Amino acid sequence: MLPDGKVLVAGGFGTTNTSDSAFVFDPESGTNGRWTTVRSLNIGRWRHSAILLPNGKVLVVGGEDKDFDFLKSAEICDPATRQWTATQAFPLSPDRGQAATLMPNGEVVVTLDNGQVWTELSASSALRVKTGDTVRIEAGTLRSFILVTPNGHSGKVKRIK
């Protein structure tokens, strides 16, 4: 739900293809509410996550394309202009989907529902993290992955589960 009480609906799957359509529903307009179109998503997707950001814009991340391949792309909708803008892609392709959560500090955390567990490739005191720390896993070169700690240190990691 948008801050003004309207609802943004985007993407989906039809009988043979994913949809890039987007609409806003205004429940207060007319007798039974009213649908209006928004500019289409840049990429048709379904089973994606959408989250309202503190600035009133909506982040859409992941999902699947028409071939049932998982997407790591992300887009932001500005309800004021009804425009979608591509943003930085999620660094990992989820195996089965994802959930986006807005943290109290305004950061969006994307949790993969595939039970991923990561381990360090080389021991480094700079990569020591404690329970509750927020870390990032980023795509590296040659299909490698980098863990970035809250203090900005980084090191190569691999997924073990």
N, C-alpha and C. Protein backbone atom coordinates (compact mmCIF):
# COMPACT_ATOMS: atom_id res chain seq x y z
N MET A 1 0.84 -1.16 0.00
CA MET A 1 0.00 0.00 0.00
C MET A 1 0.89 1.24 0.00
N LEU A 2 0.54 2.19 -0.83
CA LEU A 2 1.29 3.44 -0.92
C LEU A 2 0.90 4.37 0.23
N PRO A 3 1.72 5.37 0.51
CA PRO A 3 1.42 6.27 1.63
C PRO A 3 0.06 6.96 1.52
N ASP A 4 -0.45 7.16 0.30
CA ASP A 4 -1.73 7.84 0.12
C ASP A 4 -2.93 6.90 0.17
N GLY A 5 -2.71 5.61 0.50
CA GLY A 5 -3.79 4.65 0.61
C GLY A 5 -4.10 3.92 -0.68
N LYS A 6 -3.44 4.29 -1.78
CA LYS A 6 -3.62 3.58 -3.04
C LYS A 6 -2.75 2.33 -3.03
N VAL A 7 -3.01 1.41 -3.96
CA VAL A 7 -2.28 0.14 -4.02
C VAL A 7 -1.64 0.00 -5.40
N LEU A 8 -0.33 -0.29 -5.41
CA LEU A 8 0.39 -0.55 -6.65
C LEU A 8 0.38 -2.04 -6.92
N VAL A 9 -0.04 -2.44 -8.13
CA VAL A 9 -0.03 -3.84 -8.56
C VAL A 9 0.83 -3.90 -9.82
N ALA A 10 1.85 -4.78 -9.82
CA ALA A 10 2.77 -4.82 -10.96
C ALA A 10 3.16 -6.25 -11.29
N GLY A 11 3.26 -6.53 -12.61
CA GLY A 11 3.71 -7.83 -13.07
C GLY A 11 2.66 -8.91 -12.89
N GLY A 12 3.09 -10.14 -13.05
CA GLY A 12 2.20 -11.28 -12.92
C GLY A 12 2.43 -12.25 -14.06
N PHE A 13 1.61 -13.29 -14.12
CA PHE A 13 1.74 -14.29 -15.17
C PHE A 13 0.37 -14.54 -15.78
N GLY A 14 0.30 -14.42 -17.11
CA GLY A 14 -0.95 -14.68 -17.82
C GLY A 14 -1.02 -16.14 -18.23
N THR A 15 -1.74 -16.41 -19.28
CA THR A 15 -1.88 -17.80 -19.72
C THR A 15 -0.62 -18.34 -20.37
N THR A 16 0.19 -17.47 -21.00
CA THR A 16 1.38 -17.95 -21.70
C THR A 16 2.62 -17.10 -21.48
N ASN A 17 2.53 -16.02 -20.72
CA ASN A 17 3.67 -15.13 -20.62
C ASN A 17 3.61 -14.31 -19.33
N THR A 18 4.77 -13.75 -18.95
CA THR A 18 4.80 -12.85 -17.81
C THR A 18 4.27 -11.49 -18.25
N SER A 19 3.80 -10.73 -17.29
CA SER A 19 3.26 -9.41 -17.57
C SER A 19 4.22 -8.33 -17.09
N ASP A 20 4.33 -7.27 -17.88
CA ASP A 20 5.09 -6.10 -17.44
C ASP A 20 4.14 -4.95 -17.09
N SER A 21 2.85 -5.24 -17.06
CA SER A 21 1.85 -4.22 -16.76
C SER A 21 1.91 -3.79 -15.30
N ALA A 22 1.51 -2.55 -15.06
CA ALA A 22 1.44 -2.03 -13.70
C ALA A 22 0.24 -1.10 -13.59
N PHE A 23 -0.42 -1.16 -12.44
CA PHE A 23 -1.63 -0.36 -12.20
C PHE A 23 -1.63 0.16 -10.78
N VAL A 24 -2.36 1.22 -10.57
CA VAL A 24 -2.61 1.72 -9.23
C VAL A 24 -4.11 1.64 -8.99
N PHE A 25 -4.50 1.06 -7.86
CA PHE A 25 -5.90 0.99 -7.47
C PHE A 25 -6.16 2.02 -6.39
N ASP A 26 -7.17 2.87 -6.63
CA ASP A 26 -7.58 3.88 -5.65
C ASP A 26 -8.92 3.45 -5.06
N PRO A 27 -8.93 2.90 -3.84
CA PRO A 27 -10.17 2.41 -3.26
C PRO A 27 -11.16 3.52 -2.92
N GLU A 28 -10.69 4.77 -2.86
CA GLU A 28 -11.55 5.90 -2.51
C GLU A 28 -12.16 6.57 -3.73
N SER A 29 -11.79 6.15 -4.93
CA SER A 29 -12.28 6.80 -6.15
C SER A 29 -13.54 6.10 -6.65
N GLY A 30 -14.60 6.84 -6.84
CA GLY A 30 -15.84 6.27 -7.35
C GLY A 30 -16.53 5.41 -6.31
N THR A 31 -17.51 4.67 -6.77
CA THR A 31 -18.30 3.83 -5.87
C THR A 31 -17.52 2.62 -5.38
N ASN A 32 -16.79 1.95 -6.30
CA ASN A 32 -16.06 0.73 -5.95
C ASN A 32 -14.57 0.83 -6.20
N GLY A 33 -14.04 2.03 -6.23
CA GLY A 33 -12.63 2.22 -6.51
C GLY A 33 -12.37 2.32 -8.01
N ARG A 34 -11.11 2.65 -8.35
CA ARG A 34 -10.77 2.82 -9.76
C ARG A 34 -9.32 2.40 -10.01
N TRP A 35 -9.11 1.73 -11.15
CA TRP A 35 -7.78 1.32 -11.60
C TRP A 35 -7.25 2.34 -12.61
N THR A 36 -5.98 2.71 -12.48
CA THR A 36 -5.32 3.53 -13.49
C THR A 36 -4.00 2.88 -13.86
N THR A 37 -3.57 3.06 -15.09
CA THR A 37 -2.33 2.42 -15.55
C THR A 37 -1.12 3.23 -15.12
N VAL A 38 -0.04 2.52 -14.96
CA VAL A 38 1.28 3.07 -14.66
C VAL A 38 2.17 2.59 -15.79
N ARG A 39 3.24 3.33 -16.10
CA ARG A 39 4.17 2.86 -17.12
C ARG A 39 4.59 1.42 -16.80
N SER A 40 4.76 0.62 -17.82
CA SER A 40 5.10 -0.81 -17.66
C SER A 40 6.45 -1.00 -16.99
N LEU A 41 6.58 -2.13 -16.30
CA LEU A 41 7.88 -2.54 -15.78
C LEU A 41 8.86 -2.65 -16.94
N ASN A 42 10.15 -2.51 -16.65
CA ASN A 42 11.16 -2.68 -17.69
C ASN A 42 11.27 -4.15 -18.10
N ILE A 43 10.99 -5.06 -17.16
CA ILE A 43 11.07 -6.49 -17.41
C ILE A 43 9.80 -7.14 -16.86
N GLY A 44 9.11 -7.92 -17.70
CA GLY A 44 7.96 -8.67 -17.21
C GLY A 44 8.42 -9.68 -16.18
N ARG A 45 7.69 -9.77 -15.06
CA ARG A 45 8.11 -10.68 -13.98
C ARG A 45 6.90 -11.12 -13.17
N TRP A 46 7.06 -12.23 -12.50
CA TRP A 46 6.05 -12.71 -11.56
C TRP A 46 6.78 -13.37 -10.40
N ARG A 47 6.06 -13.57 -9.28
CA ARG A 47 6.64 -14.12 -8.05
C ARG A 47 7.79 -13.26 -7.53
N HIS A 48 7.72 -11.97 -7.76
CA HIS A 48 8.73 -11.04 -7.29
C HIS A 48 8.34 -10.48 -5.93
N SER A 49 9.26 -9.75 -5.32
CA SER A 49 8.99 -9.07 -4.06
C SER A 49 8.86 -7.58 -4.34
N ALA A 50 7.95 -6.94 -3.64
CA ALA A 50 7.78 -5.49 -3.73
C ALA A 50 7.75 -4.93 -2.32
N ILE A 51 8.41 -3.81 -2.12
CA ILE A 51 8.46 -3.22 -0.79
C ILE A 51 8.40 -1.70 -0.90
N LEU A 52 7.61 -1.10 -0.02
CA LEU A 52 7.50 0.36 0.04
C LEU A 52 8.72 0.90 0.77
N LEU A 53 9.45 1.80 0.13
CA LEU A 53 10.64 2.40 0.71
C LEU A 53 10.26 3.64 1.53
N PRO A 54 11.13 4.08 2.44
CA PRO A 54 10.81 5.24 3.28
C PRO A 54 10.49 6.52 2.49
N ASN A 55 11.02 6.63 1.26
CA ASN A 55 10.77 7.82 0.45
C ASN A 55 9.46 7.75 -0.34
N GLY A 56 8.67 6.68 -0.13
CA GLY A 56 7.39 6.54 -0.81
C GLY A 56 7.47 5.83 -2.14
N LYS A 57 8.67 5.52 -2.60
CA LYS A 57 8.84 4.76 -3.85
C LYS A 57 8.73 3.27 -3.54
N VAL A 58 8.56 2.45 -4.58
CA VAL A 58 8.39 1.01 -4.40
C VAL A 58 9.52 0.28 -5.11
N LEU A 59 10.21 -0.60 -4.37
CA LEU A 59 11.27 -1.44 -4.94
C LEU A 59 10.67 -2.79 -5.30
N VAL A 60 10.92 -3.24 -6.54
CA VAL A 60 10.53 -4.56 -7.00
C VAL A 60 11.83 -5.30 -7.32
N VAL A 61 11.98 -6.51 -6.75
CA VAL A 61 13.23 -7.25 -6.94
C VAL A 61 12.93 -8.71 -7.23
N GLY A 62 13.75 -9.30 -8.10
CA GLY A 62 13.68 -10.73 -8.35
C GLY A 62 12.46 -11.18 -9.09
N GLY A 63 12.00 -12.37 -8.76
CA GLY A 63 10.89 -12.99 -9.46
C GLY A 63 11.38 -13.91 -10.55
N GLU A 64 10.46 -14.26 -11.43
CA GLU A 64 10.78 -15.15 -12.55
C GLU A 64 10.36 -14.51 -13.86
N ASP A 65 11.04 -14.88 -14.93
CA ASP A 65 10.66 -14.39 -16.25
C ASP A 65 9.74 -15.40 -16.94
N LYS A 66 9.43 -15.17 -18.21
CA LYS A 66 8.49 -16.02 -18.94
C LYS A 66 8.97 -17.46 -19.10
N ASP A 67 10.29 -17.67 -19.01
CA ASP A 67 10.86 -19.01 -19.14
C ASP A 67 11.07 -19.69 -17.79
N PHE A 68 10.53 -19.08 -16.73
CA PHE A 68 10.65 -19.57 -15.36
C PHE A 68 12.08 -19.50 -14.85
N ASP A 69 12.91 -18.63 -15.46
CA ASP A 69 14.26 -18.38 -14.97
C ASP A 69 14.18 -17.29 -13.91
N PHE A 70 14.96 -17.44 -12.85
CA PHE A 70 14.94 -16.46 -11.78
C PHE A 70 15.66 -15.19 -12.20
N LEU A 71 15.10 -14.07 -11.84
CA LEU A 71 15.66 -12.76 -12.18
C LEU A 71 16.41 -12.20 -10.98
N LYS A 72 17.50 -11.51 -11.24
CA LYS A 72 18.15 -10.78 -10.17
C LYS A 72 18.04 -9.28 -10.40
N SER A 73 17.31 -8.88 -11.41
CA SER A 73 17.13 -7.45 -11.69
C SER A 73 16.19 -6.83 -10.67
N ALA A 74 16.29 -5.51 -10.56
CA ALA A 74 15.44 -4.76 -9.63
C ALA A 74 15.03 -3.44 -10.29
N GLU A 75 13.85 -2.96 -9.90
CA GLU A 75 13.32 -1.71 -10.44
C GLU A 75 12.66 -0.93 -9.32
N ILE A 76 12.62 0.39 -9.49
CA ILE A 76 11.96 1.25 -8.52
C ILE A 76 10.88 2.04 -9.23
N CYS A 77 9.68 2.06 -8.64
CA CYS A 77 8.57 2.85 -9.18
C CYS A 77 8.39 4.10 -8.32
N ASP A 78 8.30 5.24 -8.99
CA ASP A 78 7.97 6.49 -8.32
C ASP A 78 6.48 6.74 -8.55
N PRO A 79 5.64 6.52 -7.54
CA PRO A 79 4.20 6.68 -7.73
C PRO A 79 3.80 8.10 -8.16
N ALA A 80 4.61 9.09 -7.81
CA ALA A 80 4.29 10.47 -8.19
C ALA A 80 4.38 10.66 -9.70
N THR A 81 5.38 10.04 -10.33
CA THR A 81 5.57 10.20 -11.78
C THR A 81 5.04 8.99 -12.56
N ARG A 82 4.72 7.91 -11.82
CA ARG A 82 4.25 6.65 -12.42
C ARG A 82 5.27 6.07 -13.40
N GLN A 83 6.54 6.23 -13.08
CA GLN A 83 7.64 5.75 -13.91
C GLN A 83 8.46 4.71 -13.17
N TRP A 84 8.96 3.72 -13.91
CA TRP A 84 9.85 2.69 -13.38
C TRP A 84 11.28 3.01 -13.79
N THR A 85 12.23 2.79 -12.90
CA THR A 85 13.64 3.00 -13.18
C THR A 85 14.40 1.76 -12.75
N ALA A 86 15.22 1.24 -13.65
CA ALA A 86 16.07 0.09 -13.28
C ALA A 86 17.05 0.56 -12.22
N THR A 87 17.35 -0.31 -11.27
CA THR A 87 18.33 -0.01 -10.23
C THR A 87 19.33 -1.14 -10.17
N GLN A 88 20.28 -1.05 -9.27
CA GLN A 88 21.32 -2.07 -9.16
C GLN A 88 20.71 -3.44 -8.96
N ALA A 89 21.17 -4.39 -9.75
CA ALA A 89 20.66 -5.76 -9.66
C ALA A 89 21.10 -6.41 -8.36
N PHE A 90 20.26 -7.33 -7.86
CA PHE A 90 20.62 -8.13 -6.71
C PHE A 90 21.81 -8.99 -7.13
N PRO A 91 22.88 -9.07 -6.33
CA PRO A 91 24.10 -9.73 -6.79
C PRO A 91 24.02 -11.24 -6.96
N LEU A 92 22.99 -11.89 -6.45
CA LEU A 92 22.88 -13.34 -6.59
C LEU A 92 21.55 -13.70 -7.20
N SER A 93 21.53 -14.74 -8.02
CA SER A 93 20.26 -15.24 -8.51
C SER A 93 19.70 -16.21 -7.51
N PRO A 94 18.50 -15.96 -7.00
CA PRO A 94 17.93 -16.91 -6.05
C PRO A 94 17.57 -18.21 -6.74
N ASP A 95 17.63 -19.30 -5.99
CA ASP A 95 17.27 -20.60 -6.54
C ASP A 95 15.77 -20.81 -6.58
N ARG A 96 15.04 -20.24 -5.61
CA ARG A 96 13.60 -20.47 -5.55
C ARG A 96 12.79 -19.23 -5.21
N GLY A 97 13.37 -18.09 -5.08
CA GLY A 97 12.61 -16.91 -4.74
C GLY A 97 13.24 -16.13 -3.62
N GLN A 98 12.55 -15.10 -3.17
CA GLN A 98 13.12 -14.21 -2.18
C GLN A 98 12.03 -13.45 -1.46
N ALA A 99 12.43 -12.82 -0.35
CA ALA A 99 11.53 -11.94 0.38
C ALA A 99 12.31 -10.67 0.69
N ALA A 100 11.71 -9.53 0.49
CA ALA A 100 12.35 -8.26 0.79
C ALA A 100 11.78 -7.71 2.09
N THR A 101 12.67 -7.21 2.94
CA THR A 101 12.26 -6.67 4.23
C THR A 101 12.88 -5.30 4.41
N LEU A 102 12.08 -4.33 4.83
CA LEU A 102 12.59 -3.00 5.13
C LEU A 102 13.03 -2.98 6.58
N MET A 103 14.31 -2.71 6.81
CA MET A 103 14.85 -2.67 8.17
C MET A 103 14.60 -1.29 8.77
N PRO A 104 14.65 -1.17 10.10
CA PRO A 104 14.41 0.12 10.75
C PRO A 104 15.34 1.24 10.28
N ASN A 105 16.57 0.89 9.85
CA ASN A 105 17.51 1.91 9.39
C ASN A 105 17.30 2.30 7.93
N GLY A 106 16.25 1.76 7.28
CA GLY A 106 15.94 2.09 5.90
C GLY A 106 16.58 1.17 4.88
N GLU A 107 17.44 0.26 5.33
CA GLU A 107 18.09 -0.69 4.43
C GLU A 107 17.11 -1.80 4.04
N VAL A 108 17.15 -2.21 2.78
CA VAL A 108 16.34 -3.33 2.33
C VAL A 108 17.20 -4.58 2.34
N VAL A 109 16.76 -5.60 3.06
CA VAL A 109 17.49 -6.86 3.13
C VAL A 109 16.70 -7.88 2.32
N VAL A 110 17.38 -8.54 1.38
CA VAL A 110 16.74 -9.58 0.58
C VAL A 110 17.22 -10.93 1.09
N THR A 111 16.29 -11.74 1.55
CA THR A 111 16.60 -13.05 2.10
C THR A 111 16.17 -14.12 1.10
N LEU A 112 17.10 -14.95 0.70
CA LEU A 112 16.78 -16.03 -0.23
C LEU A 112 16.09 -17.15 0.53
N ASP A 113 15.10 -17.73 -0.09
CA ASP A 113 14.38 -18.81 0.59
C ASP A 113 14.96 -20.17 0.23
N ASN A 114 16.24 -20.19 -0.12
CA ASN A 114 16.86 -21.45 -0.49
C ASN A 114 17.81 -21.96 0.59
N GLY A 115 17.79 -21.34 1.77
CA GLY A 115 18.60 -21.83 2.88
C GLY A 115 20.09 -21.68 2.67
N GLN A 116 20.53 -20.71 1.93
CA GLN A 116 21.96 -20.55 1.65
C GLN A 116 22.78 -20.34 2.93
N VAL A 117 23.95 -20.98 2.97
CA VAL A 117 24.94 -20.80 4.03
C VAL A 117 26.27 -20.54 3.33
N TRP A 118 27.02 -19.56 3.83
CA TRP A 118 28.28 -19.16 3.20
C TRP A 118 29.44 -19.39 4.15
N THR A 119 30.63 -19.69 3.59
CA THR A 119 31.83 -19.84 4.39
C THR A 119 32.98 -19.07 3.74
N GLU A 120 33.93 -18.67 4.58
CA GLU A 120 35.10 -17.93 4.12
C GLU A 120 36.08 -18.87 3.41
N LEU A 121 36.70 -18.39 2.33
CA LEU A 121 37.70 -19.21 1.63
C LEU A 121 39.07 -19.10 2.28
N SER A 122 39.37 -17.95 2.88
CA SER A 122 40.65 -17.81 3.59
C SER A 122 40.38 -17.09 4.90
N ALA A 123 40.94 -17.62 5.98
CA ALA A 123 40.69 -17.03 7.30
C ALA A 123 41.26 -15.62 7.34
N SER A 124 40.48 -14.69 7.88
CA SER A 124 40.90 -13.31 7.96
C SER A 124 40.23 -12.67 9.17
N SER A 125 41.03 -12.05 10.02
CA SER A 125 40.45 -11.42 11.21
C SER A 125 39.54 -10.26 10.81
N ALA A 126 39.75 -9.68 9.64
CA ALA A 126 38.92 -8.56 9.19
C ALA A 126 37.49 -8.99 8.89
N LEU A 127 37.29 -10.29 8.64
CA LEU A 127 35.96 -10.76 8.28
C LEU A 127 35.17 -11.28 9.48
N ARG A 128 35.69 -11.12 10.67
CA ARG A 128 34.96 -11.60 11.84
C ARG A 128 33.69 -10.78 12.02
N VAL A 129 32.59 -11.49 12.09
CA VAL A 129 31.30 -10.84 12.30
C VAL A 129 30.63 -11.49 13.48
N LYS A 130 29.74 -10.77 14.11
CA LYS A 130 29.03 -11.34 15.24
C LYS A 130 27.56 -11.48 14.89
N THR A 131 26.86 -12.29 15.62
CA THR A 131 25.43 -12.51 15.39
C THR A 131 24.72 -11.17 15.37
N GLY A 132 23.89 -10.99 14.35
CA GLY A 132 23.14 -9.75 14.22
C GLY A 132 23.78 -8.74 13.28
N ASP A 133 25.08 -8.91 12.96
CA ASP A 133 25.71 -8.01 11.99
C ASP A 133 25.07 -8.19 10.62
N THR A 134 24.93 -7.11 9.89
CA THR A 134 24.44 -7.18 8.52
C THR A 134 25.64 -7.24 7.58
N VAL A 135 25.71 -8.26 6.76
CA VAL A 135 26.79 -8.40 5.79
C VAL A 135 26.18 -8.44 4.39
N ARG A 136 27.01 -8.16 3.39
CA ARG A 136 26.57 -8.24 2.00
C ARG A 136 27.38 -9.31 1.29
N ILE A 137 26.71 -10.04 0.40
CA ILE A 137 27.39 -10.96 -0.50
C ILE A 137 27.29 -10.33 -1.88
N GLU A 138 28.45 -10.07 -2.51
CA GLU A 138 28.47 -9.43 -3.82
C GLU A 138 29.11 -10.36 -4.83
N ALA A 139 28.70 -10.22 -6.08
CA ALA A 139 29.32 -11.00 -7.15
C ALA A 139 30.73 -10.48 -7.39
N GLY A 140 31.69 -11.41 -7.46
CA GLY A 140 33.07 -11.04 -7.75
C GLY A 140 33.40 -11.41 -9.19
N THR A 141 34.67 -11.54 -9.49
CA THR A 141 35.09 -11.93 -10.83
C THR A 141 35.16 -13.44 -10.95
N LEU A 142 35.05 -13.92 -12.16
CA LEU A 142 35.17 -15.35 -12.45
C LEU A 142 34.27 -16.21 -11.56
N ARG A 143 33.02 -15.79 -11.43
CA ARG A 143 32.00 -16.52 -10.69
C ARG A 143 32.32 -16.67 -9.20
N SER A 144 33.09 -15.73 -8.67
CA SER A 144 33.39 -15.75 -7.24
C SER A 144 32.41 -14.83 -6.51
N PHE A 145 32.42 -14.92 -5.17
CA PHE A 145 31.56 -14.08 -4.35
C PHE A 145 32.37 -13.45 -3.24
N ILE A 146 32.01 -12.24 -2.87
CA ILE A 146 32.71 -11.47 -1.86
C ILE A 146 31.76 -11.16 -0.71
N LEU A 147 32.20 -11.39 0.52
CA LEU A 147 31.45 -10.99 1.70
C LEU A 147 32.00 -9.65 2.17
N VAL A 148 31.11 -8.69 2.41
CA VAL A 148 31.51 -7.37 2.89
C VAL A 148 30.95 -7.21 4.29
N THR A 149 31.82 -6.88 5.25
CA THR A 149 31.43 -6.76 6.65
C THR A 149 30.89 -5.36 6.95
N PRO A 150 30.27 -5.20 8.13
CA PRO A 150 29.75 -3.88 8.51
C PRO A 150 30.83 -2.79 8.54
N ASN A 151 32.09 -3.19 8.82
CA ASN A 151 33.16 -2.18 8.86
C ASN A 151 33.83 -1.98 7.50
N GLY A 152 33.27 -2.59 6.45
CA GLY A 152 33.76 -2.37 5.09
C GLY A 152 34.84 -3.31 4.62
N HIS A 153 35.30 -4.23 5.47
CA HIS A 153 36.30 -5.20 5.04
C HIS A 153 35.62 -6.27 4.19
N SER A 154 36.40 -6.90 3.32
CA SER A 154 35.81 -7.91 2.44
C SER A 154 36.76 -9.07 2.23
N GLY A 155 36.17 -10.19 1.82
CA GLY A 155 36.96 -11.38 1.52
C GLY A 155 36.12 -12.36 0.72
N LYS A 156 36.80 -13.26 0.04
CA LYS A 156 36.09 -14.23 -0.80
C LYS A 156 35.39 -15.27 0.07
N VAL A 157 34.20 -15.65 -0.37
CA VAL A 157 33.41 -16.67 0.32
C VAL A 157 32.84 -17.63 -0.70
N LYS A 158 32.41 -18.77 -0.22
CA LYS A 158 31.71 -19.71 -1.09
C LYS A 158 30.46 -20.20 -0.37
N ARG A 159 29.49 -20.58 -1.15
CA ARG A 159 28.26 -21.10 -0.58
C ARG A 159 28.43 -22.59 -0.30
N ILE A 160 28.13 -23.01 0.91
CA ILE A 160 28.27 -24.42 1.26
C ILE A 160 26.93 -25.09 1.45
N LYS A 161 25.88 -24.32 1.48
CA LYS A 161 24.54 -24.89 1.60
C LYS A 161 23.56 -23.97 0.90
